[in-house]
Amino acid sequence: MDKAAFEIVGNVGKTEIKEVKGGKRIAILSVATSERWKRDDGEWSEKTYWHRIAIFAPAKVERIETMVQKGTRLRLVGQIRPGAYEDDKGRTKYVVEFVIGPFGDVEILARAKPRDEADAEPAPRRGRSKRANGAADAADAGEPT
């Protein structure tokens, strides 16, 4: 069997639960991944990429709804699917969709601060937080609007 698969390890920016036909629900996640490198001048540079992930499996959608919020670090495994849509000017746009169905995986690697603590005034930071892979927190990455 042929397949196009992905594995993304990153931090959640936004979560959205949508109702679709037949009362089913899907979760849409915005997930940040980063890469970091040392430039020729010895300074560090970092680039953050945002990925849109659609989750269809009902049990996984429920898990996202109850356990995941902004800043949660996840490992996601699923299928890559080509897609297309028409923009408001009638032009066809092509996209790559990241989809997690019943055979995909959603693994919580690190929980974000509880919602009530996250809303409180943040403590002063002393530099960038570091992860095992050197990526910065998604909140620091400046998610696009």
N, C-alpha and C. Protein backbone atom coordinates (compact mmCIF):
# COMPACT_ATOMS: atom_id res chain seq x y z
N MET A 1 0.84 -1.18 0.00
CA MET A 1 0.00 0.00 0.00
C MET A 1 0.88 1.24 0.00
N ASP A 2 0.58 2.20 -0.87
CA ASP A 2 1.29 3.46 -0.91
C ASP A 2 0.68 4.41 0.10
N LYS A 3 1.50 5.32 0.62
CA LYS A 3 0.93 6.32 1.50
C LYS A 3 1.85 7.53 1.57
N ALA A 4 1.26 8.66 1.83
CA ALA A 4 1.99 9.90 2.07
C ALA A 4 1.68 10.29 3.51
N ALA A 5 2.68 10.27 4.36
CA ALA A 5 2.45 10.48 5.79
C ALA A 5 3.29 11.65 6.30
N PHE A 6 2.90 12.17 7.46
CA PHE A 6 3.66 13.22 8.11
C PHE A 6 3.80 12.91 9.59
N GLU A 7 4.82 13.49 10.20
CA GLU A 7 4.99 13.53 11.65
C GLU A 7 5.41 14.95 11.99
N ILE A 8 4.64 15.61 12.81
CA ILE A 8 4.93 16.97 13.24
C ILE A 8 5.03 16.98 14.75
N VAL A 9 6.10 17.56 15.27
CA VAL A 9 6.24 17.80 16.70
C VAL A 9 6.33 19.31 16.86
N GLY A 10 5.36 19.89 17.56
CA GLY A 10 5.35 21.33 17.71
C GLY A 10 4.38 21.78 18.77
N ASN A 11 4.22 23.10 18.85
CA ASN A 11 3.37 23.73 19.86
C ASN A 11 2.10 24.27 19.23
N VAL A 12 0.99 24.06 19.92
CA VAL A 12 -0.32 24.49 19.43
C VAL A 12 -0.45 26.01 19.57
N GLY A 13 -0.93 26.63 18.50
CA GLY A 13 -1.24 28.05 18.53
C GLY A 13 -2.72 28.26 18.77
N LYS A 14 -3.54 27.74 17.87
CA LYS A 14 -5.00 27.87 17.99
C LYS A 14 -5.65 26.51 17.86
N THR A 15 -6.79 26.35 18.52
CA THR A 15 -7.61 25.16 18.34
C THR A 15 -9.02 25.62 17.98
N GLU A 16 -9.66 24.86 17.13
CA GLU A 16 -11.03 25.16 16.74
C GLU A 16 -11.76 23.84 16.54
N ILE A 17 -12.94 23.73 17.11
CA ILE A 17 -13.79 22.55 16.92
C ILE A 17 -14.96 23.00 16.03
N LYS A 18 -15.15 22.28 14.92
CA LYS A 18 -16.22 22.63 13.98
C LYS A 18 -17.19 21.47 13.85
N GLU A 19 -18.47 21.81 13.70
CA GLU A 19 -19.48 20.80 13.40
C GLU A 19 -19.60 20.70 11.90
N VAL A 20 -19.68 19.45 11.40
CA VAL A 20 -19.85 19.21 9.97
C VAL A 20 -21.10 18.37 9.76
N LYS A 21 -21.35 17.97 8.54
CA LYS A 21 -22.56 17.20 8.19
C LYS A 21 -22.77 16.02 9.13
N GLY A 22 -24.02 15.75 9.42
CA GLY A 22 -24.38 14.59 10.21
C GLY A 22 -24.04 14.72 11.69
N GLY A 23 -23.80 15.93 12.17
CA GLY A 23 -23.50 16.12 13.59
C GLY A 23 -22.08 15.73 13.99
N LYS A 24 -21.26 15.36 13.02
CA LYS A 24 -19.87 15.01 13.33
C LYS A 24 -19.08 16.29 13.60
N ARG A 25 -17.98 16.12 14.32
CA ARG A 25 -17.13 17.27 14.64
C ARG A 25 -15.70 17.00 14.20
N ILE A 26 -15.01 18.07 13.81
CA ILE A 26 -13.60 17.98 13.48
C ILE A 26 -12.85 19.02 14.31
N ALA A 27 -11.59 18.75 14.56
CA ALA A 27 -10.72 19.71 15.25
C ALA A 27 -9.73 20.25 14.22
N ILE A 28 -9.55 21.55 14.24
CA ILE A 28 -8.56 22.21 13.39
C ILE A 28 -7.52 22.82 14.33
N LEU A 29 -6.27 22.43 14.15
CA LEU A 29 -5.18 22.94 14.97
C LEU A 29 -4.22 23.76 14.12
N SER A 30 -3.69 24.81 14.71
CA SER A 30 -2.59 25.55 14.14
C SER A 30 -1.38 25.17 14.98
N VAL A 31 -0.36 24.55 14.37
CA VAL A 31 0.79 24.03 15.11
C VAL A 31 2.08 24.65 14.57
N ALA A 32 2.91 25.15 15.48
CA ALA A 32 4.18 25.77 15.11
C ALA A 32 5.33 24.79 15.24
N THR A 33 6.19 24.76 14.22
CA THR A 33 7.46 24.06 14.31
C THR A 33 8.55 25.09 14.02
N SER A 34 9.73 24.86 14.55
CA SER A 34 10.83 25.81 14.36
C SER A 34 12.11 25.10 13.99
N GLU A 35 12.95 25.82 13.29
CA GLU A 35 14.30 25.33 13.06
C GLU A 35 15.24 26.44 13.49
N ARG A 36 16.40 26.05 13.97
CA ARG A 36 17.37 27.00 14.49
C ARG A 36 18.74 26.66 13.92
N TRP A 37 19.51 27.69 13.56
CA TRP A 37 20.84 27.46 13.01
C TRP A 37 21.75 28.62 13.38
N LYS A 38 23.04 28.32 13.31
CA LYS A 38 24.05 29.33 13.60
C LYS A 38 24.51 29.93 12.27
N ARG A 39 24.44 31.26 12.17
CA ARG A 39 24.86 31.95 10.95
C ARG A 39 26.38 32.04 10.89
N ASP A 40 26.89 32.45 9.76
CA ASP A 40 28.33 32.59 9.56
C ASP A 40 28.97 33.56 10.55
N ASP A 41 28.17 34.57 10.99
CA ASP A 41 28.72 35.55 11.94
C ASP A 41 28.66 35.06 13.39
N GLY A 42 28.23 33.82 13.60
CA GLY A 42 28.20 33.24 14.93
C GLY A 42 26.90 33.45 15.69
N GLU A 43 26.00 34.29 15.18
CA GLU A 43 24.71 34.53 15.83
C GLU A 43 23.72 33.45 15.43
N TRP A 44 22.74 33.21 16.32
CA TRP A 44 21.71 32.21 16.05
C TRP A 44 20.53 32.84 15.33
N SER A 45 19.96 32.11 14.40
CA SER A 45 18.73 32.50 13.70
C SER A 45 17.70 31.41 13.91
N GLU A 46 16.43 31.82 13.84
CA GLU A 46 15.34 30.86 14.02
C GLU A 46 14.22 31.19 13.05
N LYS A 47 13.62 30.16 12.48
CA LYS A 47 12.49 30.30 11.57
C LYS A 47 11.36 29.43 12.09
N THR A 48 10.17 30.01 12.18
CA THR A 48 8.99 29.28 12.65
C THR A 48 8.04 29.07 11.47
N TYR A 49 7.50 27.86 11.37
CA TYR A 49 6.54 27.51 10.34
C TYR A 49 5.22 27.13 11.01
N TRP A 50 4.11 27.52 10.42
CA TRP A 50 2.79 27.18 10.95
C TRP A 50 2.12 26.17 10.04
N HIS A 51 1.52 25.15 10.66
CA HIS A 51 0.86 24.07 9.93
C HIS A 51 -0.59 23.97 10.39
N ARG A 52 -1.49 23.76 9.43
CA ARG A 52 -2.91 23.57 9.74
C ARG A 52 -3.19 22.08 9.69
N ILE A 53 -3.67 21.54 10.80
CA ILE A 53 -3.92 20.11 10.94
C ILE A 53 -5.43 19.90 11.14
N ALA A 54 -6.04 19.01 10.37
CA ALA A 54 -7.45 18.66 10.52
C ALA A 54 -7.54 17.26 11.13
N ILE A 55 -8.30 17.14 12.21
CA ILE A 55 -8.45 15.87 12.92
C ILE A 55 -9.91 15.44 12.83
N PHE A 56 -10.13 14.23 12.28
CA PHE A 56 -11.49 13.75 12.03
C PHE A 56 -11.95 12.65 12.98
N ALA A 57 -11.05 11.88 13.53
CA ALA A 57 -11.43 10.75 14.38
C ALA A 57 -12.13 11.26 15.64
N PRO A 58 -13.37 10.82 15.92
CA PRO A 58 -14.15 11.36 17.04
C PRO A 58 -13.44 11.31 18.40
N ALA A 59 -12.77 10.21 18.71
CA ALA A 59 -12.08 10.10 20.01
C ALA A 59 -10.93 11.10 20.10
N LYS A 60 -10.24 11.32 19.00
CA LYS A 60 -9.13 12.27 18.98
C LYS A 60 -9.64 13.71 19.07
N VAL A 61 -10.77 13.99 18.43
CA VAL A 61 -11.37 15.32 18.51
C VAL A 61 -11.75 15.62 19.96
N GLU A 62 -12.35 14.65 20.63
CA GLU A 62 -12.72 14.84 22.04
C GLU A 62 -11.48 15.08 22.91
N ARG A 63 -10.42 14.34 22.63
CA ARG A 63 -9.17 14.50 23.38
C ARG A 63 -8.59 15.90 23.18
N ILE A 64 -8.62 16.38 21.93
CA ILE A 64 -8.14 17.73 21.64
C ILE A 64 -8.97 18.75 22.41
N GLU A 65 -10.29 18.58 22.39
CA GLU A 65 -11.20 19.53 23.03
C GLU A 65 -10.98 19.60 24.55
N THR A 66 -10.70 18.46 25.18
CA THR A 66 -10.60 18.44 26.64
C THR A 66 -9.19 18.64 27.17
N MET A 67 -8.16 18.32 26.37
CA MET A 67 -6.81 18.31 26.93
C MET A 67 -5.82 19.26 26.26
N VAL A 68 -6.18 19.86 25.14
CA VAL A 68 -5.21 20.66 24.39
C VAL A 68 -5.64 22.13 24.37
N GLN A 69 -4.67 23.00 24.55
CA GLN A 69 -4.90 24.43 24.48
C GLN A 69 -3.64 25.08 23.92
N LYS A 70 -3.67 26.40 23.75
CA LYS A 70 -2.52 27.13 23.22
C LYS A 70 -1.28 26.81 24.07
N GLY A 71 -0.19 26.48 23.40
CA GLY A 71 1.06 26.19 24.08
C GLY A 71 1.31 24.71 24.35
N THR A 72 0.30 23.86 24.18
CA THR A 72 0.48 22.42 24.39
C THR A 72 1.42 21.89 23.30
N ARG A 73 2.38 21.08 23.72
CA ARG A 73 3.34 20.48 22.78
C ARG A 73 2.81 19.10 22.37
N LEU A 74 2.69 18.88 21.05
CA LEU A 74 2.11 17.65 20.52
C LEU A 74 3.04 16.97 19.53
N ARG A 75 2.85 15.67 19.42
CA ARG A 75 3.41 14.87 18.33
C ARG A 75 2.21 14.37 17.54
N LEU A 76 2.16 14.72 16.26
CA LEU A 76 1.03 14.39 15.41
C LEU A 76 1.50 13.54 14.24
N VAL A 77 0.77 12.47 13.95
CA VAL A 77 1.10 11.59 12.84
C VAL A 77 -0.18 11.38 12.03
N GLY A 78 -0.08 11.56 10.73
CA GLY A 78 -1.26 11.39 9.89
C GLY A 78 -0.91 11.33 8.42
N GLN A 79 -1.90 11.64 7.59
CA GLN A 79 -1.76 11.57 6.14
C GLN A 79 -1.62 12.96 5.53
N ILE A 80 -0.86 13.02 4.45
CA ILE A 80 -0.78 14.24 3.65
C ILE A 80 -1.71 14.03 2.45
N ARG A 81 -2.59 15.00 2.23
CA ARG A 81 -3.53 14.89 1.11
C ARG A 81 -3.47 16.17 0.28
N PRO A 82 -3.42 16.03 -1.04
CA PRO A 82 -3.50 17.23 -1.86
C PRO A 82 -4.94 17.73 -1.87
N GLY A 83 -5.12 19.03 -1.95
CA GLY A 83 -6.46 19.60 -1.98
C GLY A 83 -6.48 20.83 -2.87
N ALA A 84 -7.66 21.30 -3.19
CA ALA A 84 -7.82 22.49 -4.01
C ALA A 84 -9.10 23.20 -3.60
N TYR A 85 -9.11 24.51 -3.79
CA TYR A 85 -10.31 25.31 -3.53
C TYR A 85 -10.27 26.52 -4.46
N GLU A 86 -11.42 27.18 -4.59
CA GLU A 86 -11.49 28.40 -5.39
C GLU A 86 -11.47 29.59 -4.45
N ASP A 87 -10.62 30.58 -4.78
CA ASP A 87 -10.59 31.78 -3.96
C ASP A 87 -11.76 32.69 -4.35
N ASP A 88 -11.86 33.85 -3.70
CA ASP A 88 -12.99 34.75 -3.94
C ASP A 88 -13.01 35.34 -5.36
N LYS A 89 -11.91 35.22 -6.09
CA LYS A 89 -11.85 35.70 -7.48
C LYS A 89 -12.04 34.57 -8.49
N GLY A 90 -12.38 33.37 -8.00
CA GLY A 90 -12.63 32.24 -8.87
C GLY A 90 -11.39 31.50 -9.33
N ARG A 91 -10.24 31.83 -8.77
CA ARG A 91 -9.00 31.14 -9.13
C ARG A 91 -8.84 29.88 -8.29
N THR A 92 -8.35 28.82 -8.91
CA THR A 92 -8.12 27.57 -8.19
C THR A 92 -6.80 27.67 -7.44
N LYS A 93 -6.84 27.37 -6.16
CA LYS A 93 -5.64 27.36 -5.31
C LYS A 93 -5.41 25.92 -4.87
N TYR A 94 -4.15 25.50 -4.89
CA TYR A 94 -3.79 24.14 -4.50
C TYR A 94 -3.09 24.18 -3.15
N VAL A 95 -3.44 23.23 -2.28
CA VAL A 95 -2.88 23.17 -0.93
C VAL A 95 -2.50 21.74 -0.59
N VAL A 96 -1.69 21.61 0.42
CA VAL A 96 -1.38 20.31 1.00
C VAL A 96 -2.08 20.28 2.35
N GLU A 97 -2.92 19.27 2.57
CA GLU A 97 -3.66 19.15 3.83
C GLU A 97 -3.00 18.10 4.72
N PHE A 98 -2.90 18.42 6.00
CA PHE A 98 -2.41 17.47 7.00
C PHE A 98 -3.64 16.96 7.73
N VAL A 99 -3.92 15.66 7.61
CA VAL A 99 -5.16 15.08 8.12
C VAL A 99 -4.85 13.92 9.07
N ILE A 100 -5.56 13.89 10.19
CA ILE A 100 -5.44 12.78 11.13
C ILE A 100 -6.80 12.12 11.23
N GLY A 101 -6.85 10.87 10.81
CA GLY A 101 -8.07 10.07 10.87
C GLY A 101 -7.94 9.02 11.94
N PRO A 102 -8.69 7.93 11.82
CA PRO A 102 -8.68 6.90 12.86
C PRO A 102 -7.34 6.20 13.04
N PHE A 103 -6.50 6.18 11.99
CA PHE A 103 -5.22 5.48 12.11
C PHE A 103 -4.06 6.42 12.42
N GLY A 104 -4.34 7.69 12.58
CA GLY A 104 -3.31 8.66 12.93
C GLY A 104 -3.05 8.65 14.42
N ASP A 105 -2.17 9.54 14.86
CA ASP A 105 -1.80 9.58 16.27
C ASP A 105 -1.72 11.02 16.76
N VAL A 106 -2.24 11.25 17.95
CA VAL A 106 -2.12 12.53 18.65
C VAL A 106 -1.53 12.21 20.01
N GLU A 107 -0.29 12.64 20.23
CA GLU A 107 0.39 12.38 21.49
C GLU A 107 0.72 13.71 22.17
N ILE A 108 0.28 13.85 23.42
CA ILE A 108 0.58 15.06 24.18
C ILE A 108 1.94 14.88 24.83
N LEU A 109 2.89 15.76 24.45
CA LEU A 109 4.25 15.68 24.97
C LEU A 109 4.44 16.57 26.20
N ALA A 110 3.80 17.73 26.21
CA ALA A 110 3.89 18.64 27.36
C ALA A 110 2.63 19.48 27.40
N ARG A 111 2.05 19.58 28.56
CA ARG A 111 0.83 20.36 28.73
C ARG A 111 1.16 21.83 28.89
N ALA A 112 0.31 22.68 28.39
CA ALA A 112 0.44 24.12 28.59
C ALA A 112 0.02 24.44 30.02
N LYS A 113 0.28 25.67 30.44
CA LYS A 113 -0.17 26.09 31.77
C LYS A 113 -1.69 25.97 31.82
N PRO A 114 -2.25 25.68 32.99
CA PRO A 114 -3.71 25.66 33.10
C PRO A 114 -4.28 26.99 32.65
N ARG A 115 -5.48 26.95 32.10
CA ARG A 115 -6.09 28.15 31.51
C ARG A 115 -6.14 29.32 32.49
N ASP A 116 -6.44 29.09 33.77
CA ASP A 116 -6.53 30.21 34.71
C ASP A 116 -5.16 30.82 34.96
N GLU A 117 -4.09 30.01 34.98
CA GLU A 117 -2.73 30.54 35.13
C GLU A 117 -2.28 31.24 33.87
N ALA A 118 -2.68 30.74 32.71
CA ALA A 118 -2.26 31.33 31.45
C ALA A 118 -2.84 32.73 31.29
N ASP A 119 -4.01 32.98 31.88
CA ASP A 119 -4.63 34.30 31.78
C ASP A 119 -4.02 35.30 32.76
N ALA A 120 -3.33 34.80 33.78
CA ALA A 120 -2.71 35.69 34.75
C ALA A 120 -1.53 36.41 34.12
N GLU A 121 -1.07 37.47 34.78
CA GLU A 121 0.06 38.23 34.27
C GLU A 121 1.29 37.35 34.25
N PRO A 122 2.00 37.28 33.10
CA PRO A 122 3.16 36.39 33.02
C PRO A 122 4.33 36.90 33.86
N ALA A 123 5.10 35.96 34.38
CA ALA A 123 6.30 36.30 35.14
C ALA A 123 7.36 36.81 34.17
N PRO A 124 8.25 37.69 34.63
CA PRO A 124 9.31 38.15 33.72
C PRO A 124 10.19 36.99 33.28
N ARG A 125 10.61 37.01 32.03
CA ARG A 125 11.42 35.92 31.48
C ARG A 125 12.87 36.33 31.43
N ARG A 126 13.72 35.38 31.60
CA ARG A 126 15.16 35.62 31.55
C ARG A 126 15.76 34.93 30.33
N GLY A 127 15.35 35.34 29.15
CA GLY A 127 15.87 34.71 27.94
C GLY A 127 14.86 33.73 27.37
N ARG A 128 15.23 33.08 26.30
CA ARG A 128 14.35 32.14 25.62
C ARG A 128 14.28 30.82 26.35
N SER A 129 13.10 30.23 26.38
CA SER A 129 13.00 28.89 26.94
C SER A 129 13.52 27.91 25.90
N LYS A 130 14.11 26.84 26.36
CA LYS A 130 14.69 25.87 25.43
C LYS A 130 13.97 24.55 25.56
N ARG A 131 13.82 23.89 24.46
CA ARG A 131 13.22 22.56 24.40
C ARG A 131 14.33 21.58 24.08
N ALA A 132 14.01 20.31 24.19
CA ALA A 132 15.00 19.27 23.89
C ALA A 132 15.52 19.38 22.47
N ASN A 133 14.69 19.85 21.53
CA ASN A 133 15.14 19.97 20.15
C ASN A 133 15.56 21.39 19.80
N GLY A 134 15.61 22.29 20.78
CA GLY A 134 16.06 23.65 20.55
C GLY A 134 15.00 24.60 20.04
N ALA A 135 13.75 24.17 19.93
CA ALA A 135 12.69 25.04 19.43
C ALA A 135 12.17 25.93 20.54
N ALA A 136 11.73 27.11 20.19
CA ALA A 136 11.17 28.05 21.16
C ALA A 136 9.69 27.74 21.36
N ASP A 137 9.12 28.31 22.42
CA ASP A 137 7.69 28.16 22.68
C ASP A 137 6.91 28.74 21.54
N ALA A 138 5.75 28.18 21.22
CA ALA A 138 4.90 28.70 20.15
C ALA A 138 4.45 30.11 20.47
N ALA A 139 4.23 30.42 21.74
CA ALA A 139 3.79 31.75 22.12
C ALA A 139 4.85 32.78 21.77
N ASP A 140 6.14 32.40 21.78
CA ASP A 140 7.22 33.32 21.45
C ASP A 140 7.38 33.48 19.95
N ALA A 141 6.80 32.57 19.19
CA ALA A 141 7.07 32.52 17.76
C ALA A 141 6.30 33.57 16.97
N GLY A 142 5.27 34.17 17.54
CA GLY A 142 4.51 35.18 16.84
C GLY A 142 3.64 34.60 15.77
N GLU A 143 2.60 33.88 16.15
CA GLU A 143 1.72 33.22 15.19
C GLU A 143 1.11 34.25 14.26
N PRO A 144 1.08 33.95 12.96
CA PRO A 144 0.49 34.89 12.00
C PRO A 144 -1.01 34.99 12.21
N THR A 145 -1.56 36.12 11.81
CA THR A 145 -3.01 36.32 11.94
C THR A 145 -3.72 35.99 10.67
